[in-house]
Protein backbone atom coordinates (compact mmCIF):
# COMPACT_ATOMS: atom_id res chain seq x y z
CA MET A 1 13.71 -69.37 4.49
CA SER A 2 13.31 -67.07 7.42
CA THR A 3 15.19 -63.80 7.27
CA GLY A 4 15.74 -63.87 11.01
CA SER A 5 17.15 -66.47 13.36
CA GLY A 6 13.85 -68.28 13.40
CA ILE A 7 12.61 -69.70 16.63
CA GLY A 8 15.33 -67.68 18.38
CA ASP A 9 13.29 -64.63 17.43
CA ARG A 10 10.47 -65.63 19.78
CA GLY A 11 11.67 -62.96 22.19
CA SER A 12 11.54 -60.29 19.50
CA ALA A 13 8.08 -61.40 18.38
CA LEU A 14 6.84 -61.35 21.96
CA GLU A 15 8.23 -57.87 22.52
CA LEU A 16 6.49 -56.69 19.37
CA ILE A 17 3.24 -58.20 20.63
CA LYS A 18 3.61 -56.59 24.04
CA ASP A 19 4.34 -53.18 22.52
CA ALA A 20 1.38 -53.37 20.13
CA LEU A 21 -0.97 -54.45 22.90
CA SER A 22 0.22 -51.64 25.18
CA LYS A 23 -0.92 -49.13 22.55
CA ALA A 24 -4.18 -50.89 21.65
CA LYS A 25 -7.61 -50.00 22.95
CA ARG A 26 -9.45 -52.83 21.20
CA PRO A 27 -7.12 -55.49 19.76
CA CYS A 28 -8.10 -58.73 18.04
CA ILE A 29 -6.45 -61.64 16.28
CA THR A 30 -7.73 -63.55 13.26
CA SER A 31 -7.27 -67.29 13.00
CA SER A 32 -7.98 -69.86 10.31
CA PHE A 33 -6.56 -72.46 12.72
CA GLN A 34 -3.58 -73.21 10.50
CA ALA A 35 -0.25 -73.86 12.24
CA GLU A 36 1.00 -70.27 12.26
CA CYS A 37 -2.38 -69.04 13.50
CA VAL A 38 -2.43 -71.26 16.57
CA VAL A 39 1.22 -70.46 17.30
CA LEU A 40 0.59 -66.71 17.12
CA THR A 41 -2.57 -67.05 19.19
CA ASP A 42 -0.57 -68.87 21.85
CA MET A 43 1.96 -66.04 21.96
CA VAL A 44 -0.58 -63.21 21.99
CA ARG A 45 -2.66 -64.89 24.69
CA GLU A 46 0.45 -65.17 26.83
CA VAL A 47 0.14 -61.39 27.17
CA MET A 48 -3.65 -60.99 26.78
CA PRO A 49 -5.56 -64.26 27.40
CA GLU A 50 -8.97 -62.70 26.71
CA ILE A 51 -8.15 -61.23 23.28
CA PRO A 52 -10.96 -61.90 20.76
CA VAL A 53 -10.00 -64.64 18.28
CA LEU A 54 -11.91 -63.96 15.07
CA PHE A 55 -12.82 -66.96 12.91
CA LEU A 56 -14.52 -66.69 9.54
CA GLU A 57 -17.30 -69.24 9.09
CA THR A 58 -17.34 -69.52 5.31
CA PHE A 59 -19.70 -72.54 5.21
CA HIS A 60 -17.09 -74.27 3.05
CA HIS A 61 -14.51 -75.41 5.62
CA PHE A 62 -13.17 -78.94 5.91
CA PRO A 63 -15.00 -80.80 8.71
CA GLN A 64 -11.59 -81.42 10.27
CA THR A 65 -10.96 -77.67 10.52
CA LEU A 66 -14.19 -77.07 12.43
CA GLU A 67 -13.59 -80.03 14.75
CA TYR A 68 -10.05 -78.80 15.44
CA ARG A 69 -11.30 -75.25 16.07
CA ASP A 70 -13.73 -76.53 18.66
CA GLU A 71 -11.15 -78.79 20.30
CA LEU A 72 -8.61 -75.99 20.70
CA THR A 73 -11.22 -73.49 21.86
CA LYS A 74 -12.25 -75.88 24.61
CA LYS A 75 -8.68 -76.89 25.48
CA TYR A 76 -7.27 -73.36 25.73
CA GLY A 77 -10.36 -71.30 26.50
CA TYR A 78 -10.21 -69.02 23.47
CA ASN A 79 -12.46 -65.97 23.38
CA LEU A 80 -13.71 -67.18 20.00
CA VAL A 81 -15.76 -64.82 17.83
CA VAL A 82 -17.33 -66.53 14.81
CA LEU A 83 -17.99 -64.20 11.87
CA LYS A 84 -20.57 -65.02 9.19
CA ALA A 85 -21.96 -63.36 6.11
CA ALA A 86 -25.35 -61.77 6.70
CA GLU A 87 -26.63 -63.56 3.60
CA PRO A 88 -24.46 -66.64 3.01
CA ASN A 89 -24.62 -68.39 -0.35
CA ILE A 90 -23.32 -71.92 -0.14
CA GLY A 91 -21.81 -72.97 -3.45
CA LEU A 92 -21.43 -69.41 -4.73
CA TRP A 93 -17.97 -70.36 -5.99
CA LYS A 94 -19.60 -72.70 -8.50
CA THR A 95 -21.93 -70.10 -10.04
CA GLU A 96 -20.07 -66.80 -9.70
CA GLY A 97 -16.47 -67.84 -9.10
CA THR A 98 -14.17 -67.94 -6.11
CA ARG A 99 -13.63 -64.18 -5.95
CA ALA A 100 -17.34 -63.56 -5.44
CA CYS A 101 -17.45 -66.36 -2.87
CA CYS A 102 -14.47 -64.96 -0.94
CA ASP A 103 -15.93 -61.46 -1.05
CA ARG A 104 -19.26 -62.69 0.32
CA HIS A 105 -18.04 -65.10 2.98
CA LYS A 106 -14.66 -63.73 4.03
CA VAL A 107 -13.89 -60.16 3.02
CA GLY A 108 -17.27 -58.61 3.85
CA PRO A 109 -17.74 -60.20 7.29
CA LEU A 110 -14.15 -59.56 8.36
CA PHE A 111 -13.96 -55.94 7.27
CA SER A 112 -17.28 -55.26 8.94
CA ALA A 113 -16.04 -56.82 12.20
CA LEU A 114 -12.70 -54.99 12.09
CA GLU A 115 -14.59 -51.70 12.40
CA ASN A 116 -14.82 -52.56 16.11
CA TYR A 117 -11.06 -52.91 16.63
CA ASP A 118 -7.96 -50.75 16.37
CA VAL A 119 -5.16 -53.37 16.29
CA TRP A 120 -5.36 -56.54 14.20
CA PHE A 121 -2.89 -59.39 14.78
CA THR A 122 -2.39 -61.72 11.83
CA ALA A 123 -0.19 -64.81 11.33
CA LEU A 124 0.95 -63.88 7.82
CA ARG A 125 4.53 -64.79 6.93
CA ARG A 126 6.73 -63.56 4.07
CA GLU A 127 7.70 -67.10 3.14
CA GLN A 128 4.11 -68.12 2.39
CA SER A 129 3.88 -66.61 -1.10
CA LYS A 130 5.34 -64.01 -3.41
CA SER A 131 2.35 -61.77 -2.69
CA ARG A 132 3.56 -61.57 0.93
CA ALA A 133 7.28 -61.19 0.27
CA THR A 134 7.37 -57.53 1.33
CA LEU A 135 5.11 -57.96 4.35
CA GLN A 136 5.90 -55.57 7.20
CA GLU A 137 5.60 -56.54 10.84
CA ILE A 138 3.58 -53.39 11.57
CA GLU A 139 1.65 -51.36 9.04
CA PRO A 140 -1.53 -49.31 8.77
CA PHE A 141 -4.51 -51.00 7.16
CA ARG A 142 -7.40 -49.05 5.65
CA LEU A 143 -10.89 -50.51 5.74
CA PRO A 144 -13.47 -49.77 3.01
CA SER A 145 -15.14 -47.25 5.35
CA GLY A 146 -11.92 -45.22 5.39
CA LYS A 147 -11.06 -46.19 8.97
CA ASP A 148 -7.37 -46.97 9.56
CA ILE A 149 -6.34 -49.70 11.97
CA THR A 150 -2.92 -51.15 12.79
CA LYS A 151 -2.09 -54.54 11.33
CA VAL A 152 0.58 -56.52 13.19
CA ALA A 153 2.36 -59.61 11.81
CA PRO A 154 4.81 -60.77 14.52
CA LEU A 155 5.73 -63.94 12.60
CA ALA A 156 6.49 -62.16 9.32
CA SER A 157 10.09 -63.42 9.18
CA TRP A 158 9.44 -66.92 10.52
CA SER A 159 9.88 -70.05 8.40
CA THR A 160 7.56 -73.03 8.38
CA ARG A 161 10.18 -74.92 10.35
CA ASP A 162 10.16 -72.18 12.99
CA VAL A 163 6.40 -72.43 13.33
CA TRP A 164 6.36 -76.19 13.65
CA LYS A 165 9.22 -76.19 16.14
CA TYR A 166 7.37 -73.72 18.34
CA ALA A 167 4.26 -75.88 18.22
CA LYS A 168 6.27 -78.96 19.14
CA ASP A 169 8.17 -77.22 21.94
CA HIS A 170 4.92 -75.89 23.41
CA GLN A 171 2.97 -79.12 22.85
CA ILE A 172 0.38 -77.47 20.63
CA PRO A 173 -1.48 -80.06 18.52
CA LEU A 174 -1.84 -79.15 14.84
CA LEU A 175 -4.63 -79.63 12.33
CA SER A 176 -4.79 -83.27 11.17
CA LEU A 177 -4.98 -82.27 7.48
CA TYR A 178 -1.23 -81.57 7.54
CA GLU A 179 -0.65 -85.26 8.14
CA VAL A 180 -2.07 -86.17 4.71
CA GLY A 181 0.02 -83.61 2.83
CA TYR A 182 -1.90 -80.33 2.84
CA THR A 183 0.41 -77.35 3.34
CA GLN A 184 -1.89 -74.30 3.37
CA ILE A 185 -5.48 -74.95 4.28
CA GLY A 186 -8.49 -72.84 3.45
CA CYS A 187 -11.99 -73.69 2.24
CA GLU A 188 -12.40 -77.28 1.07
CA PRO A 189 -13.46 -76.51 -2.56
CA CYS A 190 -10.43 -74.25 -3.06
CA THR A 191 -7.78 -76.37 -1.31
CA GLN A 192 -6.01 -79.41 -2.68
CA LEU A 193 -2.73 -81.19 -2.11
CA PRO A 194 0.02 -78.90 -3.47
CA PRO A 195 0.98 -79.90 -7.02
CA ASP A 196 4.28 -78.03 -6.68
CA PRO A 197 6.29 -79.34 -3.70
CA ASN A 198 8.40 -76.17 -3.75
CA ASP A 199 5.35 -73.91 -3.47
CA PRO A 200 3.26 -74.62 -0.35
CA ARG A 201 0.53 -72.26 -1.59
CA SER A 202 0.16 -74.04 -4.95
CA GLY A 203 -2.69 -76.07 -3.48
CA ARG A 204 -4.86 -72.97 -3.05
CA TRP A 205 -7.10 -71.95 -5.97
CA SER A 206 -5.14 -74.26 -8.25
CA GLY A 207 -5.45 -73.30 -11.90
CA GLU A 208 -6.62 -69.77 -11.09
CA ASP A 209 -4.72 -66.51 -11.33
CA LYS A 210 -5.26 -65.87 -7.65
CA LEU A 211 -2.93 -65.76 -4.64
CA GLU A 212 -5.08 -64.03 -2.01
CA CYS A 213 -8.70 -64.29 -0.92
CA GLY A 214 -8.89 -60.52 -0.38
CA ILE A 215 -8.94 -60.09 3.39
CA HIS A 216 -5.37 -58.80 3.37
CA ILE A 217 -5.92 -56.32 0.54
CA GLN A 218 -6.75 -52.93 1.92
CA ALA A 219 -8.97 -50.25 0.45
CA LYS A 220 -7.25 -47.48 -1.50
């Protein structure tokens, strides 16, 4: 559950966003168009409507995700920036495994794009998985080039209930895949209905010793 007072912390999250933006020269936000992503985008755009919204085109998304992305971009006027691998390899996960596929279609394109920004807003939450349990709201993030940027997670302490309540209160439509039982939604080949009802992330890379795709793991 959330470590804060949940939706009552909207004011604190907004203040954090405002402070981070006041110090940023070139901020951006990443979005996979999951519930927390569209909620955070709504909050950040309240302060900076033109902020670039970075979306990773992995060539393996659910059709519903792409349709939803386009619907929301049109509805809200997002400054959408679609990132793609220079040399995509559709089906790479079948031949070289999901790590190679994530590296090619997600990690590489994102880290390359982040070279152009100094503040990165992300919708990560501590509740999502044990790999995110110690997530900080603000922390430095080092790119493979050695460049340091600031990573900001205003919803770090929010629960799923907090996220959904915000969406309902602000009349933000959510991705239709939630309606059939998906809880965390990524690429179609690596996402299934969660086998463990107590672990929302159990539907990602099921059967693999993997909790992250790599875009939130910084260079050492």
